[in-house]
């Protein structure tokens, strides 16, 4: 129960934080938390779409500023780069950092479709691109 509350707090905090950032064009909660199937050992998976990818990949201060703890892994997955943090309590928070093209619907990339159809909830979508992506994937 405490883990679920911590995860919900992280999601809410990150969603508020991106609202004040002009470079962030989308934030999507994906995976088990998005589909309501998270377990005590589940991580929080977020896709962060930004026009300034380099700023999120070159340094980790933004994660620490969000209270996400230490950076434990960086891994490239095509056009998305994973930045995984571990909070002091052990909750892992994964950001898939990518550019706006990740949400392209003409056509939808097969990897993007898999992520979205496995569970997705829009947290920040000022341009409507994520909404259009969910519709194109048949989940919106």
Protein backbone atom coordinates (compact mmCIF):
# COMPACT_ATOMS: atom_id res chain seq x y z
CA UNK A 1 0.00 0.00 0.00
CA UNK A 2 2.83 2.41 0.85
CA UNK A 3 4.60 1.62 -2.45
CA UNK A 4 1.46 2.43 -4.45
CA UNK A 5 1.09 5.73 -2.61
CA UNK A 6 4.76 6.57 -3.21
CA UNK A 7 4.43 5.76 -6.92
CA UNK A 8 1.28 7.89 -7.23
CA UNK A 9 3.09 10.75 -5.51
CA UNK A 10 6.04 10.48 -7.91
CA UNK A 11 3.72 10.48 -10.93
CA UNK A 12 1.82 13.51 -9.64
CA UNK A 13 5.03 15.39 -8.82
CA UNK A 14 6.59 14.70 -12.24
CA UNK A 15 3.36 15.68 -14.03
CA UNK A 16 3.34 19.03 -12.21
CA UNK A 17 7.04 19.55 -12.90
CA UNK A 18 6.70 19.07 -16.69
CA UNK A 19 3.78 21.50 -16.80
CA UNK A 20 6.24 24.32 -16.22
CA UNK A 21 8.79 23.20 -18.81
CA UNK A 22 8.43 24.59 -22.34
CA UNK A 23 10.74 21.89 -23.79
CA UNK A 24 8.48 19.00 -22.67
CA UNK A 25 5.95 18.21 -25.37
CA UNK A 26 4.54 15.08 -23.77
CA UNK A 27 4.54 12.85 -20.72
CA UNK A 28 3.00 9.41 -20.77
CA UNK A 29 2.64 6.91 -17.94
CA UNK A 30 3.05 3.44 -19.41
CA UNK A 31 3.21 -0.16 -18.24
CA UNK A 32 1.70 -1.72 -15.14
CA UNK A 33 0.84 1.52 -13.32
CA UNK A 34 -0.95 2.86 -16.40
CA UNK A 35 -3.06 -0.26 -16.78
CA UNK A 36 -3.78 -0.59 -13.03
CA UNK A 37 -1.86 -3.85 -12.60
CA UNK A 38 1.16 -2.71 -10.59
CA UNK A 39 2.59 -4.97 -7.88
CA UNK A 40 4.77 -4.04 -4.91
CA UNK A 41 7.91 -4.67 -7.00
CA UNK A 42 6.72 -2.79 -10.10
CA UNK A 43 8.63 0.22 -11.37
CA UNK A 44 7.07 3.46 -12.57
CA UNK A 45 7.51 3.81 -16.35
CA UNK A 46 7.24 7.22 -17.99
CA UNK A 47 7.86 8.40 -21.53
CA UNK A 48 9.16 11.97 -21.57
CA UNK A 49 9.06 13.66 -24.97
CA UNK A 50 11.15 16.79 -25.23
CA UNK A 51 12.69 19.12 -27.78
CA UNK A 52 15.85 19.17 -25.59
CA UNK A 53 16.77 15.46 -25.28
CA UNK A 54 20.43 16.27 -24.68
CA UNK A 55 19.66 18.12 -21.47
CA UNK A 56 18.09 14.98 -19.96
CA UNK A 57 20.79 12.65 -21.22
CA UNK A 58 23.92 14.66 -20.45
CA UNK A 59 23.30 15.13 -16.74
CA UNK A 60 21.29 13.61 -13.90
CA UNK A 61 20.59 16.69 -11.76
CA UNK A 62 17.00 16.92 -12.96
CA UNK A 63 16.27 13.46 -11.51
CA UNK A 64 17.82 14.37 -8.18
CA UNK A 65 15.86 17.63 -8.25
CA UNK A 66 12.68 15.57 -8.52
CA UNK A 67 13.71 13.51 -5.49
CA UNK A 68 14.20 10.39 -7.59
CA UNK A 69 17.45 9.41 -5.91
CA UNK A 70 20.37 7.90 -7.76
CA UNK A 71 20.66 7.20 -11.46
CA UNK A 72 21.12 3.44 -11.78
CA UNK A 73 21.01 2.87 -15.52
CA UNK A 74 21.10 4.53 -18.89
CA UNK A 75 20.29 2.40 -21.92
CA UNK A 76 19.38 3.24 -25.50
CA UNK A 77 16.26 1.63 -27.03
CA UNK A 78 16.12 2.98 -30.58
CA UNK A 79 14.91 6.60 -30.48
CA UNK A 80 14.24 6.37 -26.74
CA UNK A 81 16.95 6.45 -24.08
CA UNK A 82 16.12 4.91 -20.72
CA UNK A 83 17.14 6.85 -17.62
CA UNK A 84 16.36 4.72 -14.56
CA UNK A 85 16.45 6.17 -11.05
CA UNK A 86 16.07 4.48 -7.66
CA UNK A 87 14.47 6.41 -4.81
CA UNK A 88 15.84 6.03 -1.28
CA UNK A 89 12.98 3.58 -0.54
CA UNK A 90 13.93 1.40 -3.53
CA UNK A 91 11.16 2.42 -5.94
CA UNK A 92 12.55 2.47 -9.47
CA UNK A 93 11.38 5.20 -11.83
CA UNK A 94 12.21 4.80 -15.50
CA UNK A 95 12.07 7.69 -17.93
CA UNK A 96 12.13 6.84 -21.61
CA UNK A 97 13.49 10.12 -22.96
CA UNK A 98 12.77 10.84 -26.60
CA UNK A 99 11.91 13.48 -29.10
CA UNK A 100 8.45 14.42 -30.37
CA UNK A 101 8.87 12.06 -33.35
CA UNK A 102 8.33 9.08 -31.01
CA UNK A 103 4.62 9.93 -31.10
CA UNK A 104 4.44 10.02 -34.91
CA UNK A 105 1.29 8.34 -36.23
CA UNK A 106 2.16 8.20 -39.95
CA UNK A 107 2.93 5.36 -39.48
CA UNK A 108 3.11 4.37 -35.81
CA UNK A 109 6.44 2.69 -35.07
CA UNK A 110 5.93 -0.97 -34.02
CA UNK A 111 7.94 -0.46 -30.81
CA UNK A 112 5.91 2.62 -29.91
CA UNK A 113 2.67 0.71 -30.61
CA UNK A 114 3.78 -2.10 -28.27
CA UNK A 115 4.53 0.34 -25.45
CA UNK A 116 1.22 2.17 -25.88
CA UNK A 117 -0.99 -0.92 -26.20
CA UNK A 118 0.57 -2.43 -23.07
CA UNK A 119 -0.96 0.38 -21.03
CA UNK A 120 -0.74 4.14 -21.42
CA UNK A 121 -2.15 7.15 -19.62
CA UNK A 122 -1.49 10.71 -20.79
CA UNK A 123 -0.13 13.01 -18.10
CA UNK A 124 0.89 16.02 -20.24
CA UNK A 125 -0.05 16.60 -23.87
CA UNK A 126 -0.21 20.30 -24.79
CA UNK A 127 -0.19 19.69 -28.56
CA UNK A 128 -2.50 16.67 -28.61
CA UNK A 129 0.16 14.43 -30.19
CA UNK A 130 -0.11 11.77 -27.49
CA UNK A 131 -3.89 11.75 -27.76
CA UNK A 132 -3.61 11.20 -31.51
CA UNK A 133 -1.07 8.42 -30.88
CA UNK A 134 -3.40 6.58 -28.50
CA UNK A 135 -6.25 6.86 -31.01
CA UNK A 136 -3.98 5.57 -33.81
CA UNK A 137 -3.05 2.61 -31.60
CA UNK A 138 -6.71 1.86 -30.84
CA UNK A 139 -6.49 2.66 -27.13
CA UNK A 140 -7.73 6.25 -27.02
